[in-house]
Amino acid sequence: MEFLDVIDQYVLKINDYLYTYLMIAMLIGLGLFFSYKSKFVQFRYFKEMFRVIFEKPTTSKEGEKGVSSFQAFTISAASRVGTGNLAGVATAIATGGPGAVFWMWLIAFLGAASSFVESTLAQVYKVKDKDGFRGGPAYYMEKGLNKRWMGIIFAITITFCFGLVFNAVQSNTISNAVNQGFNVSTSTIGLVLAGLTAVIIFGGVKRIVHVTQILVPVMAILYLILAIGIVLMNITEVPEMLMLIFQSAFGLQEAAGGALGAAVMNGVKRGLYSNEAGMGSAPNAAATADVSHPVKQGLIQTLGVFVDTILICSATAFIIILSGEYTKEGLTSINLTQSALSVHIGDWANIFLAVAIFLFAFSSVIGNYYYGETNIEFIKKSPAVLFVYRVAVVGMVYFGAVAKINLVWDLADLFMAIMAFINLIAIAMLYKVAMAVLKDYNKQRKEGKDPVFYADSIEGINGIECWERKPETRNT
C-alpha cells in the first residue's frame, strides 16, 4: 500500500469521527439555536436582503469609495460557488444517494442563521487597512473574546485550507474538465491558470472584487438558465424526483434504507463545503464591505447561502437525478455531472461544462486566496511572508492542474471540520453581540431610518475599532 493511501485511511477515520459525533450535532444544533434566538432572521428578513445588497458604499472625505455590499457578496460567492456546486453535489449523490440533497438543504436553511451571526460579528470587529477594511473570525476571536491564540490557530487553518488545499482542488477540476472538453494538455492548462492567478492576486483586493463582481453573476445566471431549461423539459418527472429525495433522506425506500447514514454524512459534508455556513470563511469577505450597519452584511451573506445551495447546488442535483446517471457504477464527481448533462443536452455538454467549471472554479481560486491573505495579515503584517504565500498559491494552482490528487477532498473535509469547530465555538460565545446589533437594526428600521451603527450604540461591547461616532458623507 502506498504511503499516501495509508495517510488517506487515517484521514478518513478522523473525518468519520468528526462528522458523525461532532459536526452534524454542532451545525444543526447551533443553527437551530441561532434561528430561535434571532426569530429566524434568515426568513423574516429575506426581502430586506435584496434591498441592502445594492446599496452604494460609503465615500471617504478624500472621495475614495470603499468595497460595496455587492462586491463583498461576490468575493464570498466566488469562494462558495465552485467545484462544490458541480463536482461536490455529484459526489454527495453518488455516495449518499438522492437523500443527500435534503440534508444539504437542511444545513443551508439552518446554517443561514449561523452565517448571519458570523458575518455580522465580522463587521462589528473589523479593522482598517490600506485597502479599506479587513476582518473575520480571527479578528473577532481576538477583539471580542480576547483570545488571540485562538485567532492564530484559526488563521493558520484557513490559510492552509483555502489558500492551498482548496485551490488545488479547484484547479484540478478545471484541468480535468478543460482537458476532456477541449483536449488541451494539463501542463498547458496549469501554466495558464497559474499565470492568470498571479496577475490577479498580485493586484490586491480591489482587483479581486472587480474580477469577481463580473464573473460570479454571469456564471451563476447562465448555469441556472440551463438547469431551469432541463427541469422544464422534464417537468412531469419533477414530483417523482422530489419524492425520491425526501424518501431517500430518511431511508424510507428499501434501496436507500442502508444508505441513510451515507446520505446524512455526505449531505452535511458537501453542503458545508459548498455554502460554508458557520465555517468561518465568508466573514472574511463580509468584513471588507463599507456599510452603515453590520447587520446589512449579515443579511447579504445569509442570502449567499441560499444562492449557493438552494439555487445552484439544487440545479446540479436536479440535472443529475433527472438523468438517472447516478445509478451507474463508476460515475462520481465531475464525471457524473458531465454524463448527466450529456443525457439532457447532448455531447456538447463536455464543452459547456468545461467553460462553466473554469468560471466557477477560477473565481473560487480568487476568493480562496483572499481568505488566506487577510488571515496572514492577522498573524503578522509582513510583505515577505505575503509574497511567499502568493507564490505558494500560484504553485498549488499549477500542481493541482497537473497532478492526480486522491487525498485532497478528504483533507478538505478534515480542515473544514477543524475550521468550523473553532469558529462555531467562537460565535456561540459571541452570539449575544450579534443579537444586540440585530435589535439595534430592527429598532431603527421600525423608526423608518436607514440604520447606522456606532460603537457606543450598545453598552458592554468592547474591542470595536471602526464604528466611532463621527459624521460621514454617504452616497444616496
Protein backbone atom coordinates (compact mmCIF):
# COMPACT_ATOMS: atom_id res chain seq x y z
CA MET A 1 0.00 0.00 0.00
CA GLU A 2 1.34 3.40 -0.98
CA PHE A 3 2.26 5.98 1.67
CA LEU A 4 -0.45 8.41 0.53
CA ASP A 5 -3.09 5.68 0.71
CA VAL A 6 -2.11 4.99 4.33
CA ILE A 7 -2.44 8.68 5.18
CA ASP A 8 -5.79 8.80 3.39
CA GLN A 9 -7.12 5.93 5.51
CA TYR A 10 -6.20 7.74 8.73
CA VAL A 11 -7.73 10.99 7.46
CA LEU A 12 -10.95 9.14 6.58
CA LYS A 13 -11.15 7.63 10.07
CA ILE A 14 -10.70 11.06 11.69
CA ASN A 15 -13.32 12.55 9.37
CA ASP A 16 -15.83 9.81 10.18
CA TYR A 17 -15.44 10.56 13.88
CA LEU A 18 -15.57 14.34 13.49
CA TYR A 19 -18.65 14.39 11.29
CA THR A 20 -20.55 11.54 12.95
CA TYR A 21 -20.13 12.67 16.55
CA LEU A 22 -19.32 16.36 16.35
CA MET A 23 -20.01 18.38 13.20
CA ILE A 24 -23.57 17.21 12.49
CA ALA A 25 -24.60 17.95 16.08
CA MET A 26 -22.87 21.34 16.15
CA LEU A 27 -24.06 22.54 12.74
CA ILE A 28 -27.68 21.54 13.24
CA GLY A 29 -27.79 22.32 16.96
CA LEU A 30 -26.27 25.80 16.72
CA GLY A 31 -28.19 26.51 13.51
CA LEU A 32 -31.43 25.82 15.39
CA PHE A 33 -30.26 27.85 18.39
CA PHE A 34 -29.30 30.92 16.33
CA SER A 35 -32.52 30.62 14.32
CA TYR A 36 -34.57 30.62 17.52
CA LYS A 37 -32.65 33.48 19.14
CA SER A 38 -32.88 35.65 16.02
CA LYS A 39 -36.53 34.71 15.46
CA PHE A 40 -35.49 33.05 12.20
CA VAL A 41 -33.79 36.11 10.74
CA GLN A 42 -32.95 34.12 7.59
CA PHE A 43 -36.66 34.04 6.69
CA ARG A 44 -38.03 37.22 8.33
CA TYR A 45 -35.57 39.47 6.53
CA PHE A 46 -35.48 37.72 3.17
CA LYS A 47 -36.92 40.75 1.35
CA GLU A 48 -34.55 43.08 3.22
CA MET A 49 -31.56 41.13 1.88
CA PHE A 50 -32.36 42.25 -1.66
CA ARG A 51 -32.89 45.85 -0.55
CA VAL A 52 -29.46 46.22 1.06
CA ILE A 53 -27.37 44.24 -1.43
CA PHE A 54 -27.30 47.05 -3.99
CA GLU A 55 -26.59 49.91 -1.59
CA LYS A 56 -23.71 52.13 -2.62
CA PRO A 57 -20.55 52.09 -0.49
CA THR A 58 -19.57 54.86 1.89
CA THR A 59 -17.37 57.55 0.34
CA SER A 60 -14.48 58.88 2.42
CA LYS A 61 -13.61 62.56 2.85
CA GLU A 62 -10.87 62.06 0.26
CA GLY A 63 -13.52 60.91 -2.23
CA GLU A 64 -12.47 57.24 -2.29
CA LYS A 65 -15.19 54.63 -2.38
CA GLY A 66 -14.96 51.55 -0.19
CA VAL A 67 -15.91 47.97 -1.09
CA SER A 68 -19.66 47.87 -1.68
CA SER A 69 -22.09 45.35 -0.19
CA PHE A 70 -22.45 43.71 -3.59
CA GLN A 71 -18.68 43.49 -4.11
CA ALA A 72 -18.19 41.86 -0.70
CA PHE A 73 -21.02 39.47 -1.58
CA THR A 74 -19.25 38.48 -4.80
CA ILE A 75 -15.93 37.85 -3.02
CA SER A 76 -17.64 35.33 -0.72
CA ALA A 77 -19.73 33.95 -3.59
CA ALA A 78 -16.53 33.50 -5.59
CA SER A 79 -15.30 31.10 -2.91
CA ARG A 80 -18.68 29.46 -2.24
CA VAL A 81 -19.59 28.87 -5.88
CA GLY A 82 -17.09 26.43 -7.30
CA THR A 83 -16.41 22.72 -7.62
CA GLY A 84 -18.65 22.06 -4.63
CA ASN A 85 -21.65 23.08 -6.73
CA LEU A 86 -20.84 20.81 -9.67
CA ALA A 87 -18.41 18.12 -8.50
CA GLY A 88 -19.25 18.12 -4.77
CA VAL A 89 -23.00 17.71 -5.26
CA ALA A 90 -22.35 14.87 -7.69
CA THR A 91 -20.09 13.16 -5.15
CA ALA A 92 -22.75 13.51 -2.45
CA ILE A 93 -25.43 11.92 -4.64
CA ALA A 94 -23.11 9.18 -5.95
CA THR A 95 -22.10 8.09 -2.43
CA GLY A 96 -25.16 9.07 -0.38
CA GLY A 97 -27.98 8.79 -2.88
CA PRO A 98 -30.62 11.43 -3.71
CA GLY A 99 -31.39 11.79 0.01
CA ALA A 100 -28.10 13.66 0.48
CA VAL A 101 -29.75 16.62 -1.29
CA PHE A 102 -32.30 17.00 1.53
CA TRP A 103 -29.54 17.17 4.15
CA MET A 104 -27.71 19.76 2.07
CA TRP A 105 -30.91 21.85 2.08
CA LEU A 106 -31.33 21.45 5.84
CA ILE A 107 -27.75 22.52 6.51
CA ALA A 108 -28.34 25.57 4.30
CA PHE A 109 -31.61 26.64 5.97
CA LEU A 110 -30.24 26.28 9.48
CA GLY A 111 -26.72 27.32 8.58
CA ALA A 112 -28.05 30.57 7.16
CA ALA A 113 -28.65 31.74 10.75
CA SER A 114 -25.07 30.81 11.67
CA SER A 115 -23.88 32.69 8.60
CA PHE A 116 -25.81 35.77 9.73
CA VAL A 117 -24.20 35.68 13.18
CA GLU A 118 -20.60 35.16 11.96
CA SER A 119 -20.81 37.79 9.21
CA THR A 120 -22.42 40.38 11.49
CA LEU A 121 -19.67 39.79 14.05
CA ALA A 122 -17.05 40.16 11.31
CA GLN A 123 -18.44 43.63 10.55
CA VAL A 124 -18.62 44.63 14.21
CA TYR A 125 -14.97 43.73 14.89
CA LYS A 126 -13.40 44.63 11.53
CA VAL A 127 -10.25 46.79 11.37
CA LYS A 128 -8.96 49.37 8.92
CA ASP A 129 -6.17 48.65 6.46
CA LYS A 130 -4.65 50.31 3.39
CA ASP A 131 -7.37 48.91 1.07
CA GLY A 132 -10.32 49.69 3.35
CA PHE A 133 -11.37 47.11 5.92
CA ARG A 134 -10.25 43.66 6.96
CA GLY A 135 -11.69 41.15 9.41
CA GLY A 136 -13.16 37.71 10.05
CA PRO A 137 -13.21 35.04 12.75
CA ALA A 138 -9.57 35.53 13.76
CA TYR A 139 -10.32 39.20 14.42
CA TYR A 140 -13.48 38.66 16.48
CA MET A 141 -11.75 35.91 18.43
CA GLU A 142 -9.03 38.38 19.39
CA LYS A 143 -11.13 41.52 19.90
CA GLY A 144 -14.44 40.03 21.01
CA LEU A 145 -13.19 37.10 23.08
CA ASN A 146 -9.71 38.45 23.90
CA LYS A 147 -8.23 35.16 22.68
CA ARG A 148 -5.56 35.97 20.11
CA TRP A 149 -4.15 32.44 20.36
CA MET A 150 -7.49 31.09 19.17
CA GLY A 151 -7.46 33.53 16.27
CA ILE A 152 -3.94 32.48 15.25
CA ILE A 153 -4.91 28.79 15.18
CA PHE A 154 -7.93 29.62 13.04
CA ALA A 155 -5.88 31.88 10.75
CA ILE A 156 -3.30 29.15 10.11
CA THR A 157 -6.03 26.59 9.43
CA ILE A 158 -7.99 28.71 6.95
CA THR A 159 -4.84 29.85 5.14
CA PHE A 160 -3.70 26.28 4.55
CA CYS A 161 -7.22 25.00 3.84
CA PHE A 162 -8.47 27.66 1.42
CA GLY A 163 -5.31 29.17 0.01
CA LEU A 164 -3.57 25.88 -0.71
CA VAL A 165 -5.68 22.70 -0.40
CA PHE A 166 -8.97 24.06 -1.78
CA ASN A 167 -7.19 25.85 -4.61
CA ALA A 168 -5.51 22.61 -5.65
CA VAL A 169 -8.98 21.00 -5.76
CA GLN A 170 -10.35 23.85 -7.88
CA SER A 171 -7.52 23.83 -10.42
CA ASN A 172 -7.58 20.04 -10.66
CA THR A 173 -11.28 20.12 -11.51
CA ILE A 174 -10.73 22.87 -14.09
CA SER A 175 -7.88 20.89 -15.62
CA ASN A 176 -9.91 17.68 -15.93
CA ALA A 177 -12.93 19.43 -17.42
CA VAL A 178 -10.95 21.52 -19.93
CA ASN A 179 -8.78 18.55 -20.88
CA GLN A 180 -11.86 16.45 -21.67
CA GLY A 181 -13.78 19.29 -23.34
CA PHE A 182 -11.00 20.77 -25.48
CA ASN A 183 -8.24 18.12 -25.41
CA VAL A 184 -5.67 20.59 -24.04
CA SER A 185 -2.74 19.18 -22.06
CA THR A 186 -2.90 19.54 -18.28
CA SER A 187 0.54 21.19 -18.19
CA THR A 188 -0.66 23.92 -20.57
CA ILE A 189 -3.84 24.40 -18.54
CA GLY A 190 -1.76 24.58 -15.37
CA LEU A 191 0.51 27.28 -16.78
CA VAL A 192 -2.47 29.36 -17.96
CA LEU A 193 -4.26 29.04 -14.61
CA ALA A 194 -1.12 29.84 -12.63
CA GLY A 195 -0.44 32.89 -14.81
CA LEU A 196 -3.98 34.25 -14.52
CA THR A 197 -3.96 33.68 -10.77
CA ALA A 198 -0.66 35.52 -10.37
CA VAL A 199 -1.88 38.55 -12.34
CA ILE A 200 -4.98 38.89 -10.18
CA ILE A 201 -3.67 38.11 -6.68
CA PHE A 202 -0.62 40.35 -7.03
CA GLY A 203 -3.02 43.18 -7.91
CA GLY A 204 -4.64 43.37 -4.46
CA VAL A 205 -8.20 43.17 -3.12
CA LYS A 206 -9.59 45.90 -5.39
CA ARG A 207 -8.60 43.86 -8.46
CA ILE A 208 -10.15 40.79 -6.85
CA VAL A 209 -13.54 42.46 -6.39
CA HIS A 210 -13.50 43.89 -9.91
CA VAL A 211 -12.97 40.41 -11.36
CA THR A 212 -15.42 38.57 -9.12
CA GLN A 213 -18.27 41.05 -9.46
CA ILE A 214 -18.29 40.28 -13.19
CA LEU A 215 -17.54 36.55 -13.20
CA VAL A 216 -19.80 35.35 -10.40
CA PRO A 217 -23.18 36.74 -11.54
CA VAL A 218 -22.57 35.79 -15.18
CA MET A 219 -21.59 32.20 -14.47
CA ALA A 220 -24.36 31.66 -11.93
CA ILE A 221 -27.10 33.05 -14.19
CA LEU A 222 -26.01 31.04 -17.24
CA TYR A 223 -25.86 27.83 -15.26
CA LEU A 224 -29.25 28.43 -13.64
CA ILE A 225 -30.85 29.16 -17.03
CA LEU A 226 -29.57 25.82 -18.32
CA ALA A 227 -30.82 23.99 -15.24
CA ILE A 228 -34.26 25.61 -15.43
CA GLY A 229 -34.48 24.59 -19.07
CA ILE A 230 -33.64 20.98 -18.21
CA VAL A 231 -36.18 20.92 -15.37
CA LEU A 232 -38.90 22.32 -17.67
CA MET A 233 -38.11 19.67 -20.29
CA ASN A 234 -38.63 17.03 -17.59
CA ILE A 235 -41.39 18.79 -15.66
CA THR A 236 -43.62 15.71 -15.43
CA GLU A 237 -40.85 13.85 -13.59
CA VAL A 238 -40.21 16.59 -11.00
CA PRO A 239 -42.82 15.42 -8.41
CA GLU A 240 -41.37 11.91 -8.52
CA MET A 241 -37.85 13.34 -8.16
CA LEU A 242 -38.77 15.39 -5.09
CA MET A 243 -40.49 12.38 -3.53
CA LEU A 244 -37.35 10.32 -4.15
CA ILE A 245 -35.18 12.94 -2.42
CA PHE A 246 -37.36 13.02 0.71
CA GLN A 247 -37.87 9.26 0.89
CA SER A 248 -34.16 8.58 0.45
CA ALA A 249 -33.26 11.22 3.04
CA PHE A 250 -34.95 9.19 5.78
CA GLY A 251 -34.24 5.72 4.43
CA LEU A 252 -37.91 5.11 3.59
CA GLN A 253 -37.05 3.35 0.35
CA GLU A 254 -35.88 -0.22 0.51
CA ALA A 255 -32.85 0.57 -1.63
CA ALA A 256 -32.00 3.58 0.48
CA GLY A 257 -32.56 2.04 3.88
CA GLY A 258 -28.96 1.01 4.38
CA ALA A 259 -27.67 4.27 2.98
CA LEU A 260 -29.31 6.65 5.47
CA GLY A 261 -26.04 7.34 7.26
CA ALA A 262 -24.26 7.93 3.96
CA ALA A 263 -26.98 10.36 2.84
CA VAL A 264 -26.72 12.40 6.05
CA MET A 265 -22.92 12.34 6.14
CA ASN A 266 -22.40 13.28 2.51
CA GLY A 267 -25.17 15.87 2.54
CA VAL A 268 -23.61 17.60 5.55
CA LYS A 269 -20.03 17.38 4.22
CA ARG A 270 -20.77 18.58 0.71
CA GLY A 271 -23.30 21.13 1.95
CA LEU A 272 -20.73 22.63 4.31
CA TYR A 273 -18.04 22.56 1.61
CA SER A 274 -20.32 24.40 -0.81
CA ASN A 275 -22.17 27.03 1.25
CA GLU A 276 -19.56 27.37 4.04
CA ALA A 277 -22.23 28.42 6.56
CA GLY A 278 -20.65 28.52 10.02
CA MET A 279 -17.24 27.51 8.70
CA GLY A 280 -15.76 30.97 9.22
CA SER A 281 -14.71 31.68 5.64
CA ALA A 282 -17.40 34.08 4.35
CA PRO A 283 -16.95 36.51 7.30
CA ASN A 284 -13.52 37.39 5.89
CA ALA A 285 -15.27 38.78 2.81
CA ALA A 286 -18.15 40.27 4.82
CA ALA A 287 -15.70 42.39 6.82
CA THR A 288 -14.41 44.17 3.70
CA ALA A 289 -17.76 45.88 2.97
CA ASP A 290 -18.12 49.56 3.77
CA VAL A 291 -21.71 49.62 5.09
CA SER A 292 -23.58 51.79 7.57
CA HIS A 293 -24.61 48.89 9.82
CA PRO A 294 -23.10 45.41 10.47
CA VAL A 295 -26.47 43.67 10.06
CA LYS A 296 -26.55 44.63 6.39
CA GLN A 297 -23.60 42.36 5.62
CA GLY A 298 -25.02 39.69 7.92
CA LEU A 299 -28.16 39.64 5.78
CA ILE A 300 -26.26 39.71 2.50
CA GLN A 301 -24.03 36.78 3.43
CA THR A 302 -27.14 34.89 4.57
CA LEU A 303 -28.53 35.42 1.09
CA GLY A 304 -25.30 33.96 -0.26
CA VAL A 305 -26.02 30.66 1.48
CA PHE A 306 -29.42 30.45 -0.21
CA VAL A 307 -28.00 31.35 -3.63
CA ASP A 308 -25.26 28.75 -3.32
CA THR A 309 -27.20 25.76 -2.01
CA ILE A 310 -30.91 26.30 -2.67
CA LEU A 311 -30.32 27.59 -6.21
CA ILE A 312 -27.00 26.42 -7.68
CA CYS A 313 -26.47 23.14 -5.78
CA SER A 314 -30.12 22.22 -6.34
CA ALA A 315 -29.68 22.94 -10.05
CA THR A 316 -26.85 20.40 -10.24
CA ALA A 317 -28.76 17.88 -8.13
CA PHE A 318 -31.86 18.10 -10.34
CA ILE A 319 -29.79 17.70 -13.51
CA ILE A 320 -28.15 14.56 -12.09
CA ILE A 321 -31.24 12.92 -10.56
CA LEU A 322 -33.46 13.58 -13.60
CA SER A 323 -30.83 11.98 -15.83
CA GLY A 324 -30.71 8.75 -13.80
CA GLU A 325 -26.93 8.60 -14.32
CA TYR A 326 -26.24 8.47 -10.57
CA THR A 327 -27.33 4.81 -10.55
CA LYS A 328 -24.45 3.78 -12.83
CA GLU A 329 -21.30 2.23 -11.42
CA GLY A 330 -18.07 4.22 -11.51
CA LEU A 331 -19.55 7.67 -12.13
CA THR A 332 -18.78 10.26 -9.49
CA SER A 333 -17.64 13.85 -9.02
CA ILE A 334 -17.38 15.99 -12.16
CA ASN A 335 -17.66 12.93 -14.42
CA LEU A 336 -21.17 12.27 -13.10
CA THR A 337 -22.27 15.86 -13.71
CA GLN A 338 -20.74 15.69 -17.18
CA SER A 339 -22.52 12.45 -18.01
CA ALA A 340 -25.85 13.76 -16.67
CA LEU A 341 -25.60 16.92 -18.78
CA SER A 342 -24.82 14.83 -21.87
CA VAL A 343 -28.04 12.89 -21.36
CA HIS A 344 -30.04 16.13 -21.33
CA ILE A 345 -28.32 18.32 -23.92
CA GLY A 346 -26.03 16.06 -25.94
CA ASP A 347 -22.30 15.68 -26.41
CA TRP A 348 -21.61 19.42 -26.43
CA ALA A 349 -22.15 19.23 -22.64
CA ASN A 350 -18.43 18.47 -22.30
CA ILE A 351 -17.52 21.84 -23.82
CA PHE A 352 -20.19 23.74 -21.89
CA LEU A 353 -19.16 22.15 -18.60
CA ALA A 354 -15.50 22.89 -19.28
CA VAL A 355 -16.34 26.58 -19.65
CA ALA A 356 -18.70 26.53 -16.65
CA ILE A 357 -16.15 24.78 -14.44
CA PHE A 358 -13.48 27.26 -15.47
CA LEU A 359 -15.66 30.21 -14.47
CA PHE A 360 -16.98 28.60 -11.29
CA ALA A 361 -13.70 27.20 -10.04
CA PHE A 362 -11.38 30.02 -11.11
CA SER A 363 -13.50 32.57 -9.26
CA SER A 364 -13.16 30.28 -6.23
CA VAL A 365 -9.38 30.34 -6.55
CA ILE A 366 -9.52 34.14 -6.33
CA GLY A 367 -11.87 34.16 -3.33
CA ASN A 368 -9.92 31.41 -1.56
CA TYR A 369 -6.68 33.32 -1.98
CA TYR A 370 -8.12 36.40 -0.30
CA TYR A 371 -9.19 34.42 2.77
CA GLY A 372 -5.59 33.33 3.25
CA GLU A 373 -4.21 36.83 2.71
CA THR A 374 -6.40 38.51 5.31
CA ASN A 375 -5.55 35.87 7.90
CA ILE A 376 -1.82 36.06 7.24
CA GLU A 377 -2.05 39.79 7.87
CA PHE A 378 -3.81 39.00 11.15
CA ILE A 379 -0.87 36.89 12.33
CA LYS A 380 1.86 39.27 11.14
CA LYS A 381 1.95 42.10 8.63
CA SER A 382 4.96 41.08 6.58
CA PRO A 383 5.34 41.79 2.84
CA ALA A 384 7.86 38.96 2.63
CA VAL A 385 5.50 36.39 4.16
CA LEU A 386 2.65 37.60 1.95
CA PHE A 387 4.87 37.29 -1.13
CA VAL A 388 5.81 33.71 -0.19
CA TYR A 389 2.11 32.90 0.33
CA ARG A 390 1.21 34.30 -3.10
CA VAL A 391 3.95 32.27 -4.76
CA ALA A 392 2.75 29.16 -2.88
CA VAL A 393 -0.83 29.73 -4.07
CA VAL A 394 0.32 30.04 -7.69
CA GLY A 395 2.39 26.88 -7.22
CA MET A 396 -0.53 24.93 -5.76
CA VAL A 397 -2.78 26.06 -8.61
CA TYR A 398 -0.28 24.65 -11.10
CA PHE A 399 0.29 21.49 -9.03
CA GLY A 400 -3.44 20.85 -8.74
CA ALA A 401 -3.86 21.16 -12.51
CA VAL A 402 -1.21 18.57 -13.42
CA ALA A 403 -1.41 16.11 -10.52
CA LYS A 404 -3.81 13.34 -9.59
CA ILE A 405 -4.94 14.27 -6.09
CA ASN A 406 -6.51 11.43 -4.11
CA LEU A 407 -6.07 12.88 -0.66
CA VAL A 408 -7.29 16.37 -1.38
CA TRP A 409 -11.05 16.00 -0.85
CA ASP A 410 -10.52 14.12 2.41
CA LEU A 411 -8.02 16.72 3.60
CA ALA A 412 -10.51 19.42 2.65
CA ASP A 413 -13.16 17.72 4.80
CA LEU A 414 -10.71 17.49 7.70
CA PHE A 415 -9.71 21.15 7.63
CA MET A 416 -13.32 22.22 7.09
CA ALA A 417 -14.26 20.41 10.27
CA ILE A 418 -11.40 21.97 12.24
CA MET A 419 -12.25 25.45 10.96
CA ALA A 420 -15.96 25.06 11.63
CA PHE A 421 -15.35 23.64 15.12
CA ILE A 422 -13.20 26.61 16.18
CA ASN A 423 -15.49 29.18 14.56
CA LEU A 424 -18.74 27.71 15.90
CA ILE A 425 -17.37 27.78 19.45
CA ALA A 426 -16.41 31.45 18.98
CA ILE A 427 -19.76 32.59 17.56
CA ALA A 428 -21.62 30.62 20.24
CA MET A 429 -19.71 32.66 22.83
CA LEU A 430 -20.34 35.95 20.98
CA TYR A 431 -23.87 35.44 19.67
CA LYS A 432 -25.34 37.93 22.20
CA VAL A 433 -23.36 40.69 20.50
CA ALA A 434 -24.87 39.79 17.11
CA MET A 435 -28.37 39.65 18.64
CA ALA A 436 -27.90 43.08 20.27
CA VAL A 437 -26.74 44.55 16.96
CA LEU A 438 -29.76 42.98 15.21
CA LYS A 439 -32.05 44.53 17.83
CA ASP A 440 -30.49 47.94 17.16
CA TYR A 441 -31.06 47.46 13.41
CA ASN A 442 -34.70 46.41 13.97
CA LYS A 443 -35.34 49.47 16.14
CA GLN A 444 -34.01 51.88 13.52
CA ARG A 445 -35.90 50.19 10.68
CA LYS A 446 -39.17 50.45 12.64
CA GLU A 447 -38.46 54.17 13.04
CA GLY A 448 -38.20 54.46 9.26
CA LYS A 449 -34.44 55.12 9.29
CA ASP A 450 -31.63 53.75 7.18
CA PRO A 451 -29.83 52.04 10.08
CA VAL A 452 -26.45 53.43 11.15
CA PHE A 453 -24.32 51.71 13.79
CA TYR A 454 -21.88 53.31 16.23
CA ALA A 455 -19.51 51.72 18.72
CA ASP A 456 -21.41 53.26 21.63
CA SER A 457 -24.84 52.22 20.32
CA ILE A 458 -24.81 49.15 22.56
CA GLU A 459 -23.41 49.05 26.06
CA GLY A 460 -20.91 46.42 27.11
CA ILE A 461 -19.33 45.69 23.71
CA ASN A 462 -15.54 46.06 23.76
CA GLY A 463 -12.84 45.77 21.09
CA ILE A 464 -14.64 47.78 18.38
CA GLU A 465 -12.36 49.95 16.21
CA CYS A 466 -14.25 51.05 13.11
CA TRP A 467 -17.61 52.35 14.30
CA GLU A 468 -16.66 55.59 16.03
CA ARG A 469 -19.34 58.25 16.13
CA LYS A 470 -18.37 60.87 13.56
CA PRO A 471 -20.10 62.49 10.58
CA GLU A 472 -19.65 60.69 7.28
CA THR A 473 -20.66 61.52 3.75
CA ARG A 474 -22.76 58.82 2.08
CA ASN A 475 -23.91 58.48 -1.48
CA THR A 476 -27.66 58.14 -1.88
